[in-house]
Protein backbone atom coordinates (compact mmCIF):
# COMPACT_ATOMS: atom_id res chain seq x y z
CA MET A 1 -35.36 -127.15 -42.21
CA LEU A 2 -35.60 -123.70 -40.62
CA ILE A 3 -32.18 -124.12 -38.97
CA THR A 4 -30.63 -124.94 -42.35
CA ILE A 5 -32.19 -121.88 -44.00
CA LEU A 6 -31.00 -119.62 -41.17
CA PHE A 7 -27.53 -121.11 -41.41
CA TRP A 8 -27.21 -120.36 -45.12
CA VAL A 9 -28.59 -116.84 -44.68
CA TYR A 10 -26.19 -116.00 -41.85
CA ALA A 11 -23.31 -117.68 -43.67
CA ALA A 12 -23.97 -115.63 -46.82
CA VAL A 13 -24.10 -112.40 -44.80
CA LEU A 14 -20.90 -113.38 -42.99
CA VAL A 15 -19.01 -114.12 -46.22
CA GLY A 16 -20.26 -110.90 -47.81
CA ALA A 17 -19.28 -108.81 -44.79
CA ALA A 18 -15.84 -110.46 -44.62
CA THR A 19 -15.30 -109.68 -48.30
CA GLY A 20 -16.35 -106.10 -47.62
CA VAL A 21 -13.76 -105.84 -44.83
CA ILE A 22 -11.02 -106.69 -47.34
CA LEU A 23 -12.30 -104.54 -50.19
CA ALA A 24 -13.48 -101.49 -48.23
CA ARG A 25 -11.56 -98.32 -49.07
CA ASN A 26 -12.49 -96.54 -45.85
CA PRO A 27 -11.01 -98.04 -42.64
CA VAL A 28 -14.09 -97.01 -40.65
CA HIS A 29 -16.33 -98.89 -43.07
CA ALA A 30 -14.04 -101.92 -42.76
CA VAL A 31 -14.39 -101.86 -38.97
CA LEU A 32 -18.18 -101.59 -39.19
CA LEU A 33 -18.29 -104.52 -41.61
CA LEU A 34 -16.12 -106.49 -39.20
CA VAL A 35 -18.70 -105.77 -36.50
CA LEU A 36 -21.34 -107.25 -38.83
CA CYS A 37 -19.10 -110.31 -39.24
CA PHE A 38 -18.97 -110.81 -35.48
CA VAL A 39 -22.73 -110.41 -35.09
CA THR A 40 -23.51 -112.98 -37.78
CA ALA A 41 -20.86 -115.32 -36.34
CA ALA A 42 -22.63 -114.99 -32.98
CA ALA A 43 -25.87 -115.98 -34.69
CA LEU A 44 -24.15 -119.09 -36.05
CA TRP A 45 -22.95 -119.90 -32.51
CA LEU A 46 -26.56 -119.69 -31.36
CA LEU A 47 -27.56 -122.17 -34.04
CA LEU A 48 -24.88 -124.52 -32.66
CA GLU A 49 -26.38 -124.22 -29.13
CA ALA A 50 -23.35 -122.30 -27.84
CA GLU A 51 -25.18 -119.40 -26.24
CA PHE A 52 -22.36 -118.31 -23.95
CA LEU A 53 -19.86 -118.02 -26.80
CA ALA A 54 -22.37 -116.02 -28.85
CA VAL A 55 -23.00 -113.57 -26.00
CA VAL A 56 -19.28 -113.20 -25.28
CA LEU A 57 -18.57 -112.61 -28.97
CA VAL A 58 -21.07 -109.75 -29.07
CA LEU A 59 -20.23 -108.20 -25.68
CA VAL A 60 -16.45 -108.51 -25.77
CA TYR A 61 -15.54 -108.16 -29.45
CA VAL A 62 -18.37 -105.98 -30.73
CA GLY A 63 -19.01 -104.03 -27.55
CA ALA A 64 -15.42 -103.45 -26.45
CA VAL A 65 -12.65 -104.48 -28.84
CA MET A 66 -14.27 -103.28 -32.06
CA VAL A 67 -15.34 -99.99 -30.49
CA LEU A 68 -11.72 -99.53 -29.39
CA PHE A 69 -10.54 -100.33 -32.94
CA LEU A 70 -13.05 -97.83 -34.32
CA PHE A 71 -11.85 -95.03 -32.07
CA VAL A 72 -8.20 -95.85 -32.79
CA VAL A 73 -8.80 -95.84 -36.56
CA MET A 74 -10.66 -92.53 -36.34
CA MET A 75 -7.96 -90.89 -34.18
CA LEU A 76 -4.78 -92.10 -35.88
CA ASP A 77 -5.17 -90.42 -39.28
CA VAL A 78 -4.54 -93.63 -41.21
CA ASN A 79 -3.11 -93.15 -44.70
CA VAL A 80 -5.44 -95.34 -46.75
CA GLU A 81 -3.52 -95.00 -50.01
CA GLU A 82 -0.30 -96.22 -48.43
CA LEU A 83 -2.05 -99.21 -46.85
CA ARG A 84 -3.60 -100.27 -50.15
CA ARG A 85 -0.37 -100.20 -52.16
CA GLY A 86 0.34 -103.89 -51.61
CA PHE A 87 -3.26 -104.97 -52.15
CA VAL A 88 -2.94 -105.69 -55.86
CA ARG A 89 0.45 -107.37 -55.41
CA ASN A 90 -0.85 -109.77 -52.74
CA ALA A 91 -4.26 -110.32 -54.35
CA PRO A 92 -3.27 -113.49 -56.35
CA LEU A 93 -1.85 -115.20 -53.25
CA ALA A 94 -4.92 -114.24 -51.22
CA ALA A 95 -7.21 -115.58 -53.95
CA LEU A 96 -5.26 -118.85 -54.03
CA VAL A 97 -5.61 -119.28 -50.26
CA ALA A 98 -9.32 -118.46 -50.48
CA VAL A 99 -9.84 -121.08 -53.21
CA ILE A 100 -7.97 -123.73 -51.16
CA VAL A 101 -10.09 -123.00 -48.07
CA ALA A 102 -13.28 -123.07 -50.15
CA LEU A 103 -12.30 -126.43 -51.66
CA GLU A 104 -11.59 -127.87 -48.20
CA LEU A 105 -14.95 -126.67 -46.90
CA GLY A 106 -16.72 -128.00 -49.99
CA TYR A 107 -15.03 -131.36 -49.59
CA ALA A 108 -16.05 -131.54 -45.93
CA LEU A 109 -19.66 -130.75 -46.82
CA TRP A 110 -19.65 -133.26 -49.68
CA VAL A 111 -18.30 -136.03 -47.42
CA ARG A 112 -21.01 -135.28 -44.89
CA ARG A 113 -23.65 -135.42 -47.62
CA LEU A 114 -22.43 -138.88 -48.62
CA GLY A 115 -23.30 -140.12 -45.13
CA VAL A 116 -19.82 -140.27 -43.63
CA GLU A 117 -19.91 -138.95 -40.09
CA LEU A 118 -17.20 -136.34 -39.60
CA PRO A 119 -15.13 -136.44 -36.41
CA GLY A 120 -16.37 -134.12 -33.74
CA THR A 121 -20.10 -134.38 -34.50
CA LYS A 122 -22.16 -134.90 -31.36
CA ALA A 123 -25.72 -135.73 -30.48
CA PRO A 124 -28.07 -132.83 -29.68
CA LEU A 125 -27.78 -131.58 -26.13
CA PRO A 126 -30.64 -132.16 -23.68
CA ALA A 127 -33.11 -129.39 -22.92
CA GLY A 128 -31.77 -128.59 -19.45
CA HIS A 129 -28.11 -128.49 -20.46
CA SER A 130 -26.14 -125.31 -19.71
CA ASN A 131 -22.87 -124.87 -21.51
CA THR A 132 -22.36 -121.61 -19.63
CA ALA A 133 -22.07 -123.50 -16.33
CA GLU A 134 -19.64 -126.00 -17.84
CA ILE A 135 -17.44 -123.30 -19.38
CA GLY A 136 -17.44 -121.33 -16.13
CA THR A 137 -16.43 -124.40 -14.12
CA VAL A 138 -13.51 -125.18 -16.41
CA LEU A 139 -12.50 -121.54 -16.85
CA TYR A 140 -12.26 -120.71 -13.16
CA THR A 141 -10.62 -123.97 -12.09
CA ASP A 142 -8.23 -125.30 -14.72
CA TYR A 143 -7.62 -122.09 -16.70
CA VAL A 144 -7.85 -119.35 -14.07
CA TRP A 145 -4.28 -118.07 -14.59
CA PRO A 146 -4.49 -117.87 -18.41
CA PHE A 147 -7.82 -116.07 -17.94
CA GLN A 148 -6.20 -113.47 -15.68
CA LEU A 149 -3.27 -113.16 -18.10
CA ALA A 150 -5.66 -112.41 -20.95
CA ALA A 151 -7.20 -109.62 -18.86
CA VAL A 152 -3.75 -108.10 -18.29
CA VAL A 153 -2.96 -108.29 -22.03
CA LEU A 154 -6.22 -106.47 -22.85
CA LEU A 155 -5.38 -103.79 -20.27
CA ILE A 156 -1.97 -103.28 -21.89
CA ALA A 157 -3.65 -103.00 -25.30
CA ILE A 158 -6.00 -100.29 -24.01
CA VAL A 159 -3.11 -98.32 -22.48
CA ALA A 160 -1.13 -98.62 -25.73
CA ALA A 161 -4.08 -97.35 -27.77
CA ILE A 162 -4.45 -94.33 -25.48
CA ALA A 163 -0.70 -93.66 -25.71
CA LEU A 164 -0.89 -93.72 -29.52
CA THR A 165 -3.67 -91.15 -29.56
CA LEU A 166 -1.74 -88.84 -27.20
CA ARG A 167 1.46 -88.73 -29.27
CA HIS A 168 2.74 -85.34 -30.40
CA ARG A 169 1.73 -84.48 -33.94
CA PRO A 170 2.60 -81.30 -35.88
CA GLY A 171 -0.23 -78.83 -36.18
CA VAL A 172 -2.18 -80.20 -33.22
CA ARG A 173 -2.46 -78.13 -30.06
CA GLN A 174 -1.62 -79.99 -26.88
CA GLN A 175 -2.79 -79.14 -23.40
CA ASP A 176 -0.03 -78.19 -20.93
CA VAL A 177 -1.50 -78.59 -17.46
CA GLY A 178 1.64 -77.29 -15.72
CA ARG A 179 1.53 -73.96 -17.53
CA GLN A 180 -2.19 -73.64 -16.88
CA VAL A 181 -1.75 -74.15 -13.14
CA ALA A 182 1.23 -71.76 -12.94
CA VAL A 183 -0.59 -68.84 -14.56
CA ARG A 184 -1.30 -65.86 -12.27
CA PRO A 185 -4.55 -63.88 -12.53
CA ALA A 186 -2.63 -60.65 -13.17
CA ALA A 187 -1.13 -62.13 -16.32
CA ARG A 188 -4.51 -63.15 -17.69
CA VAL A 189 -6.91 -60.42 -16.63
CA ARG A 190 -6.37 -56.71 -17.23
CA LEU A 191 -8.64 -54.12 -15.66
CA VAL A 192 -9.19 -51.05 -17.81
CA ARG A 193 -10.78 -47.85 -16.49
CA MET A 194 -12.85 -45.97 -19.03
CA ARG A 195 -14.70 -42.72 -18.78
CA SER A 196 -18.42 -43.04 -18.91
CA GLU A 197 -20.05 -41.81 -22.05
CA HIS A 198 -23.26 -39.86 -21.95
CA GLU A 199 -25.60 -39.67 -24.82
CA PRO A 200 -26.39 -36.15 -26.09
């Protein structure tokens, strides 16, 4: 009973935060609401006894990727009005897709309520079971090369984000290290001799 209540609470928060991501006018607020979506999704993973996936979702997406998104959004001077021009035009199609997904989820829940066992449902795991050990065994044996490839893709994404923030923009002063190193002290410091003044 408690698991069901927690599920509906987390699901409601997740749906509300996802709606806020779409409707938020400020990109920073949208990113923060997306962080809330990931945290509540991690809580749902915990309810499904997938502790490793929940921890990875918080550490990787919330702790790294979303922080990177937040810094990129704050540094890129995003034109919010230009991004929201097509929102009203695409809103009917988005609403239609949302209704179709909601009907599919409602149908799946209704079938389960009628007593039909859906494919993919499994018995509860034993107390000493560790899905972290199983995922690690499969990840570092059968999928070691895709795992390394994903790390390289993330590295490229970080380098691209840094390159976007360092682009030349009008009105922004850039640091020229070559000119700073080539400067001579005589061109920067001028010694002036002044007569001493005595008070009467």
